[in-house]
Amino acid sequence: RRIGSYGDLVDHVVDQLGDEETRSAWAGSA
């Protein structure tokens, strides 16, 4: 995904943390 602003970056990080499939890769499984 192309990120062009801080707001877009925040939204992407929050989306990835909210997704069960990608959460552990971003934040760890524990």
PDB file of all heavy atoms in Angstrom:
ATOM      1  N   ARG A   1       0.845  -1.201   0.000  1.00  0.00           N
ATOM      2  CA  ARG A   1       0.000   0.000   0.000  1.00  0.00           C
ATOM      3  C   ARG A   1       0.878   1.248   0.000  1.00  0.00           C
ATOM      4  O   ARG A   1       1.913   1.298   0.666  1.00  0.00           O
ATOM      5  CB  ARG A   1      -0.905   0.000   1.235  1.00  0.00           C
ATOM      6  CG  ARG A   1      -1.822   1.212   1.322  1.00  0.00           C
ATOM      7  CD  ARG A   1      -2.708   1.131   2.542  1.00  0.00           C
ATOM      8  NE  ARG A   1      -3.495   2.347   2.709  1.00  0.00           N
ATOM      9  CZ  ARG A   1      -4.308   2.582   3.737  1.00  0.00           C
ATOM     10  NH1 ARG A   1      -4.453   1.657   4.693  1.00  0.00           N
ATOM     11  NH2 ARG A   1      -4.982   3.706   3.813  1.00  0.00           N
ATOM     12  N   ARG A   2       0.473   2.244  -0.745  1.00  0.00           N
ATOM     13  CA  ARG A   2       1.173   3.530  -0.798  1.00  0.00           C
ATOM     14  C   ARG A   2       0.627   4.440   0.297  1.00  0.00           C
ATOM     15  O   ARG A   2      -0.576   4.704   0.371  1.00  0.00           O
ATOM     16  CB  ARG A   2       0.968   4.163  -2.177  1.00  0.00           C
ATOM     17  CG  ARG A   2       1.345   5.642  -2.286  1.00  0.00           C
ATOM     18  CD  ARG A   2       2.845   5.867  -2.294  1.00  0.00           C
ATOM     19  NE  ARG A   2       3.205   7.220  -2.711  1.00  0.00           N
ATOM     20  CZ  ARG A   2       3.162   8.297  -1.946  1.00  0.00           C
ATOM     21  NH1 ARG A   2       2.758   8.189  -0.694  1.00  0.00           N
ATOM     22  NH2 ARG A   2       3.526   9.460  -2.437  1.00  0.00           N
ATOM     23  N   ILE A   3       1.546   4.928   1.172  1.00  0.00           N
ATOM     24  CA  ILE A   3       1.169   5.809   2.280  1.00  0.00           C
ATOM     25  C   ILE A   3       1.774   7.180   1.996  1.00  0.00           C
ATOM     26  O   ILE A   3       2.993   7.316   1.866  1.00  0.00           O
ATOM     27  CB  ILE A   3       1.692   5.274   3.627  1.00  0.00           C
ATOM     28  CG1 ILE A   3       1.196   3.855   3.873  1.00  0.00           C
ATOM     29  CG2 ILE A   3       1.285   6.212   4.758  1.00  0.00           C
ATOM     30  CD1 ILE A   3      -0.285   3.729   4.072  1.00  0.00           C
ATOM     31  N   GLY A   4       0.938   8.239   1.920  1.00  0.00           N
ATOM     32  CA  GLY A   4       1.422   9.559   1.557  1.00  0.00           C
ATOM     33  C   GLY A   4       1.271  10.614   2.622  1.00  0.00           C
ATOM     34  O   GLY A   4       1.582  11.784   2.368  1.00  0.00           O
ATOM     35  N   SER A   5       0.795  10.262   3.819  1.00  0.00           N
ATOM     36  CA  SER A   5       0.649  11.243   4.897  1.00  0.00           C
ATOM     37  C   SER A   5       0.663  10.537   6.237  1.00  0.00           C
ATOM     38  O   SER A   5       0.513   9.305   6.315  1.00  0.00           O
ATOM     39  CB  SER A   5      -0.669  12.024   4.743  1.00  0.00           C
ATOM     40  OG  SER A   5      -1.777  11.170   4.985  1.00  0.00           O
ATOM     41  N   TYR A   6       0.824  11.322   7.299  1.00  0.00           N
ATOM     42  CA  TYR A   6       0.823  10.730   8.633  1.00  0.00           C
ATOM     43  C   TYR A   6      -0.543  10.141   8.965  1.00  0.00           C
ATOM     44  O   TYR A   6      -0.645   9.066   9.564  1.00  0.00           O
ATOM     45  CB  TYR A   6       1.215  11.780   9.663  1.00  0.00           C
ATOM     46  CG  TYR A   6       1.241  11.241  11.087  1.00  0.00           C
ATOM     47  CD1 TYR A   6       2.209  10.338  11.491  1.00  0.00           C
ATOM     48  CD2 TYR A   6       0.288  11.645  12.027  1.00  0.00           C
ATOM     49  CE1 TYR A   6       2.241   9.846  12.782  1.00  0.00           C
ATOM     50  CE2 TYR A   6       0.315  11.158  13.326  1.00  0.00           C
ATOM     51  CZ  TYR A   6       1.286  10.259  13.701  1.00  0.00           C
ATOM     52  OH  TYR A   6       1.307   9.760  14.980  1.00  0.00           O
ATOM     53  N   GLY A   7      -1.599  10.830   8.547  1.00  0.00           N
ATOM     54  CA  GLY A   7      -2.943  10.308   8.786  1.00  0.00           C
ATOM     55  C   GLY A   7      -3.144   8.966   8.118  1.00  0.00           C
ATOM     56  O   GLY A   7      -3.728   8.035   8.719  1.00  0.00           O
ATOM     57  N   ASP A   8      -2.661   8.810   6.881  1.00  0.00           N
ATOM     58  CA  ASP A   8      -2.774   7.522   6.186  1.00  0.00           C
ATOM     59  C   ASP A   8      -1.983   6.447   6.912  1.00  0.00           C
ATOM     60  O   ASP A   8      -2.423   5.293   7.002  1.00  0.00           O
ATOM     61  CB  ASP A   8      -2.268   7.655   4.755  1.00  0.00           C
ATOM     62  CG  ASP A   8      -3.183   8.515   3.886  1.00  0.00           C
ATOM     63  OD1 ASP A   8      -4.346   8.742   4.300  1.00  0.00           O
ATOM     64  OD2 ASP A   8      -2.727   8.962   2.822  1.00  0.00           O
ATOM     65  N   LEU A   9      -0.796   6.830   7.429  1.00  0.00           N
ATOM     66  CA  LEU A   9       0.019   5.855   8.147  1.00  0.00           C
ATOM     67  C   LEU A   9      -0.681   5.374   9.415  1.00  0.00           C
ATOM     68  O   LEU A   9      -0.706   4.166   9.708  1.00  0.00           O
ATOM     69  CB  LEU A   9       1.371   6.474   8.505  1.00  0.00           C
ATOM     70  CG  LEU A   9       2.327   5.589   9.305  1.00  0.00           C
ATOM     71  CD1 LEU A   9       2.718   4.349   8.513  1.00  0.00           C
ATOM     72  CD2 LEU A   9       3.577   6.377   9.722  1.00  0.00           C
ATOM     73  N   VAL A  10      -1.270   6.303  10.160  1.00  0.00           N
ATOM     74  CA  VAL A  10      -2.000   5.921  11.374  1.00  0.00           C
ATOM     75  C   VAL A  10      -3.155   4.997  11.042  1.00  0.00           C
ATOM     76  O   VAL A  10      -3.362   3.962  11.697  1.00  0.00           O
ATOM     77  CB  VAL A  10      -2.495   7.184  12.115  1.00  0.00           C
ATOM     78  CG1 VAL A  10      -3.449   6.796  13.247  1.00  0.00           C
ATOM     79  CG2 VAL A  10      -1.324   7.991  12.663  1.00  0.00           C
ATOM     80  N   ASP A  11      -3.920   5.336  10.028  1.00  0.00           N
ATOM     81  CA  ASP A  11      -5.059   4.499   9.635  1.00  0.00           C
ATOM     82  C   ASP A  11      -4.614   3.098   9.246  1.00  0.00           C
ATOM     83  O   ASP A  11      -5.255   2.098   9.604  1.00  0.00           O
ATOM     84  CB  ASP A  11      -5.810   5.144   8.472  1.00  0.00           C
ATOM     85  CG  ASP A  11      -6.514   6.429   8.879  1.00  0.00           C
ATOM     86  OD1 ASP A  11      -6.736   6.619  10.098  1.00  0.00           O
ATOM     87  OD2 ASP A  11      -6.817   7.249   7.992  1.00  0.00           O
ATOM     88  N   HIS A  12      -3.495   3.007   8.517  1.00  0.00           N
ATOM     89  CA  HIS A  12      -3.010   1.689   8.091  1.00  0.00           C
ATOM     90  C   HIS A  12      -2.557   0.860   9.287  1.00  0.00           C
ATOM     91  O   HIS A  12      -2.864  -0.344   9.367  1.00  0.00           O
ATOM     92  CB  HIS A  12      -1.853   1.861   7.101  1.00  0.00           C
ATOM     93  CG  HIS A  12      -1.287   0.563   6.621  1.00  0.00           C
ATOM     94  ND1 HIS A  12      -1.967  -0.276   5.758  1.00  0.00           N
ATOM     95  CD2 HIS A  12      -0.093  -0.061   6.889  1.00  0.00           C
ATOM     96  CE1 HIS A  12      -1.235  -1.344   5.504  1.00  0.00           C
ATOM     97  NE2 HIS A  12      -0.092  -1.237   6.187  1.00  0.00           N
ATOM     98  N   VAL A  13      -1.830   1.491  10.213  1.00  0.00           N
ATOM     99  CA  VAL A  13      -1.365   0.756  11.390  1.00  0.00           C
ATOM    100  C   VAL A  13      -2.549   0.250  12.207  1.00  0.00           C
ATOM    101  O   VAL A  13      -2.578  -0.910  12.644  1.00  0.00           O
ATOM    102  CB  VAL A  13      -0.450   1.649  12.250  1.00  0.00           C
ATOM    103  CG1 VAL A  13      -0.140   0.972  13.585  1.00  0.00           C
ATOM    104  CG2 VAL A  13       0.844   1.965  11.514  1.00  0.00           C
ATOM    105  N   VAL A  14      -3.542   1.092  12.404  1.00  0.00           N
ATOM    106  CA  VAL A  14      -4.722   0.697  13.180  1.00  0.00           C
ATOM    107  C   VAL A  14      -5.470  -0.440  12.483  1.00  0.00           C
ATOM    108  O   VAL A  14      -5.921  -1.407  13.127  1.00  0.00           O
ATOM    109  CB  VAL A  14      -5.644   1.908  13.410  1.00  0.00           C
ATOM    110  CG1 VAL A  14      -6.951   1.476  14.055  1.00  0.00           C
ATOM    111  CG2 VAL A  14      -4.951   2.947  14.291  1.00  0.00           C
ATOM    112  N   ASP A  15      -5.579  -0.365  11.159  1.00  0.00           N
ATOM    113  CA  ASP A  15      -6.249  -1.438  10.410  1.00  0.00           C
ATOM    114  C   ASP A  15      -5.512  -2.763  10.559  1.00  0.00           C
ATOM    115  O   ASP A  15      -6.147  -3.817  10.763  1.00  0.00           O
ATOM    116  CB  ASP A  15      -6.345  -1.069   8.927  1.00  0.00           C
ATOM    117  CG  ASP A  15      -7.339   0.047   8.667  1.00  0.00           C
ATOM    118  OD1 ASP A  15      -8.178   0.319   9.559  1.00  0.00           O
ATOM    119  OD2 ASP A  15      -7.263   0.666   7.588  1.00  0.00           O
ATOM    120  N   GLN A  16      -4.195  -2.708  10.459  1.00  0.00           N
ATOM    121  CA  GLN A  16      -3.421  -3.941  10.556  1.00  0.00           C
ATOM    122  C   GLN A  16      -3.479  -4.534  11.968  1.00  0.00           C
ATOM    123  O   GLN A  16      -3.506  -5.759  12.138  1.00  0.00           O
ATOM    124  CB  GLN A  16      -1.964  -3.671  10.170  1.00  0.00           C
ATOM    125  CG  GLN A  16      -1.770  -3.220   8.730  1.00  0.00           C
ATOM    126  CD  GLN A  16      -2.289  -4.239   7.745  1.00  0.00           C
ATOM    127  OE1 GLN A  16      -1.853  -5.385   7.729  1.00  0.00           O
ATOM    128  NE2 GLN A  16      -3.242  -3.830   6.918  1.00  0.00           N
ATOM    129  N   LEU A  17      -3.518  -3.699  12.971  1.00  0.00           N
ATOM    130  CA  LEU A  17      -3.637  -4.200  14.341  1.00  0.00           C
ATOM    131  C   LEU A  17      -5.025  -4.742  14.633  1.00  0.00           C
ATOM    132  O   LEU A  17      -5.197  -5.605  15.507  1.00  0.00           O
ATOM    133  CB  LEU A  17      -3.292  -3.078  15.331  1.00  0.00           C
ATOM    134  CG  LEU A  17      -1.829  -2.631  15.386  1.00  0.00           C
ATOM    135  CD1 LEU A  17      -1.674  -1.437  16.304  1.00  0.00           C
ATOM    136  CD2 LEU A  17      -0.922  -3.770  15.847  1.00  0.00           C
ATOM    137  N   GLY A  18      -6.016  -4.227  13.922  1.00  0.00           N
ATOM    138  CA  GLY A  18      -7.377  -4.713  14.118  1.00  0.00           C
ATOM    139  C   GLY A  18      -7.689  -5.994  13.384  1.00  0.00           C
ATOM    140  O   GLY A  18      -8.712  -6.641  13.651  1.00  0.00           O
ATOM    141  N   ASP A  19      -6.821  -6.377  12.455  1.00  0.00           N
ATOM    142  CA  ASP A  19      -7.018  -7.594  11.671  1.00  0.00           C
ATOM    143  C   ASP A  19      -6.317  -8.756  12.359  1.00  0.00           C
ATOM    144  O   ASP A  19      -5.116  -8.715  12.609  1.00  0.00           O
ATOM    145  CB  ASP A  19      -6.451  -7.388  10.263  1.00  0.00           C
ATOM    146  CG  ASP A  19      -6.821  -8.509   9.310  1.00  0.00           C
ATOM    147  OD1 ASP A  19      -6.993  -9.658   9.768  1.00  0.00           O
ATOM    148  OD2 ASP A  19      -6.921  -8.237   8.095  1.00  0.00           O
ATOM    149  N   GLU A  20      -7.070  -9.817  12.668  1.00  0.00           N
ATOM    150  CA  GLU A  20      -6.490 -10.953  13.384  1.00  0.00           C
ATOM    151  C   GLU A  20      -5.364 -11.612  12.606  1.00  0.00           C
ATOM    152  O   GLU A  20      -4.442 -12.186  13.184  1.00  0.00           O
ATOM    153  CB  GLU A  20      -7.574 -11.976  13.707  1.00  0.00           C
ATOM    154  CG  GLU A  20      -8.603 -11.481  14.715  1.00  0.00           C
ATOM    155  CD  GLU A  20      -9.613 -12.561  15.058  1.00  0.00           C
ATOM    156  OE1 GLU A  20      -9.485 -13.686  14.494  1.00  0.00           O
ATOM    157  OE2 GLU A  20     -10.499 -12.300  15.881  1.00  0.00           O
ATOM    158  N   GLU A  21      -5.418 -11.538  11.276  1.00  0.00           N
ATOM    159  CA  GLU A  21      -4.411 -12.195  10.462  1.00  0.00           C
ATOM    160  C   GLU A  21      -3.076 -11.451  10.471  1.00  0.00           C
ATOM    161  O   GLU A  21      -2.031 -12.063  10.277  1.00  0.00           O
ATOM    162  CB  GLU A  21      -4.907 -12.339   9.017  1.00  0.00           C
ATOM    163  CG  GLU A  21      -6.124 -13.248   8.872  1.00  0.00           C
ATOM    164  CD  GLU A  21      -6.537 -13.401   7.427  1.00  0.00           C
ATOM    165  OE1 GLU A  21      -5.851 -12.825   6.550  1.00  0.00           O
ATOM    166  OE2 GLU A  21      -7.534 -14.103   7.163  1.00  0.00           O
ATOM    167  N   THR A  22      -3.106 -10.169  10.656  1.00  0.00           N
ATOM    168  CA  THR A  22      -1.870  -9.377  10.609  1.00  0.00           C
ATOM    169  C   THR A  22      -1.431  -8.849  11.973  1.00  0.00           C
ATOM    170  O   THR A  22      -0.321  -8.347  12.111  1.00  0.00           O
ATOM    171  CB  THR A  22      -2.052  -8.176   9.662  1.00  0.00           C
ATOM    172  OG1 THR A  22      -3.178  -7.386  10.112  1.00  0.00           O
ATOM    173  CG2 THR A  22      -2.301  -8.648   8.239  1.00  0.00           C
ATOM    174  N   ARG A  23      -2.291  -8.967  12.973  1.00  0.00           N
ATOM    175  CA  ARG A  23      -1.985  -8.366  14.276  1.00  0.00           C
ATOM    176  C   ARG A  23      -0.692  -8.901  14.878  1.00  0.00           C
ATOM    177  O   ARG A  23       0.140  -8.159  15.377  1.00  0.00           O
ATOM    178  CB  ARG A  23      -3.137  -8.590  15.240  1.00  0.00           C
ATOM    179  CG  ARG A  23      -2.920  -7.919  16.616  1.00  0.00           C
ATOM    180  CD  ARG A  23      -4.038  -8.268  17.577  1.00  0.00           C
ATOM    181  NE  ARG A  23      -5.318  -7.978  16.965  1.00  0.00           N
ATOM    182  CZ  ARG A  23      -6.379  -8.802  17.009  1.00  0.00           C
ATOM    183  NH1 ARG A  23      -6.276  -9.968  17.651  1.00  0.00           N
ATOM    184  NH2 ARG A  23      -7.513  -8.477  16.428  1.00  0.00           N
ATOM    185  N   SER A  24      -0.491 -10.215  14.847  1.00  0.00           N
ATOM    186  CA  SER A  24       0.687 -10.792  15.480  1.00  0.00           C
ATOM    187  C   SER A  24       1.975 -10.359  14.790  1.00  0.00           C
ATOM    188  O   SER A  24       3.015 -10.209  15.436  1.00  0.00           O
ATOM    189  CB  SER A  24       0.580 -12.325  15.486  1.00  0.00           C
ATOM    190  OG  SER A  24       0.494 -12.821  14.154  1.00  0.00           O
ATOM    191  N   ALA A  25       1.928 -10.135  13.458  1.00  0.00           N
ATOM    192  CA  ALA A  25       3.123  -9.691  12.746  1.00  0.00           C
ATOM    193  C   ALA A  25       3.512  -8.275  13.163  1.00  0.00           C
ATOM    194  O   ALA A  25       4.700  -7.936  13.215  1.00  0.00           O
ATOM    195  CB  ALA A  25       2.886  -9.760  11.241  1.00  0.00           C
ATOM    196  N   TRP A  26       2.529  -7.452  13.493  1.00  0.00           N
ATOM    197  CA  TRP A  26       2.793  -6.062  13.866  1.00  0.00           C
ATOM    198  C   TRP A  26       3.085  -5.893  15.353  1.00  0.00           C
ATOM    199  O   TRP A  26       3.939  -5.103  15.725  1.00  0.00           O
ATOM    200  CB  TRP A  26       1.587  -5.186  13.494  1.00  0.00           C
ATOM    201  CG  TRP A  26       1.539  -4.806  12.053  1.00  0.00           C
ATOM    202  CD1 TRP A  26       1.136  -5.585  11.003  1.00  0.00           C
ATOM    203  CD2 TRP A  26       1.925  -3.550  11.500  1.00  0.00           C
ATOM    204  NE1 TRP A  26       1.238  -4.898   9.830  1.00  0.00           N
ATOM    205  CE2 TRP A  26       1.720  -3.632  10.100  1.00  0.00           C
ATOM    206  CE3 TRP A  26       2.407  -2.355  12.021  1.00  0.00           C
ATOM    207  CZ2 TRP A  26       1.991  -2.572   9.242  1.00  0.00           C
ATOM    208  CZ3 TRP A  26       2.669  -1.303  11.172  1.00  0.00           C
ATOM    209  CH2 TRP A  26       2.468  -1.411   9.793  1.00  0.00           C
ATOM    210  N   ALA A  27       2.361  -6.629  16.203  1.00  0.00           N
ATOM    211  CA  ALA A  27       2.447  -6.388  17.642  1.00  0.00           C
ATOM    212  C   ALA A  27       2.927  -7.573  18.450  1.00  0.00           C
ATOM    213  O   ALA A  27       3.168  -7.442  19.651  1.00  0.00           O
ATOM    214  CB  ALA A  27       1.090  -5.932  18.179  1.00  0.00           C
ATOM    215  N   GLY A  28       3.078  -8.731  17.828  1.00  0.00           N
ATOM    216  CA  GLY A  28       3.476  -9.906  18.570  1.00  0.00           C
ATOM    217  C   GLY A  28       2.268 -10.707  19.022  1.00  0.00           C
ATOM    218  O   GLY A  28       1.160 -10.171  19.155  1.00  0.00           O
ATOM    219  N   SER A  29       2.480 -11.969  19.290  1.00  0.00           N
ATOM    220  CA  SER A  29       1.358 -12.858  19.619  1.00  0.00           C
ATOM    221  C   SER A  29       0.959 -12.797  21.086  1.00  0.00           C
ATOM    222  O   SER A  29      -0.130 -13.259  21.453  1.00  0.00           O
ATOM    223  CB  SER A  29       1.732 -14.310  19.260  1.00  0.00           C
ATOM    224  OG  SER A  29       2.917 -14.692  19.945  1.00  0.00           O
ATOM    225  N   ALA A  30       1.787 -12.230  21.951  1.00  0.00           N
ATOM    226  CA  ALA A  30       1.509 -12.250  23.390  1.00  0.00           C
ATOM    227  C   ALA A  30       0.756 -11.019  23.873  1.00  0.00           C
ATOM    228  O   ALA A  30       0.484 -10.882  25.059  1.00  0.00           O
ATOM    229  CB  ALA A  30       2.814 -12.391  24.167  1.00  0.00           C
TER     230      ALA A  30
END
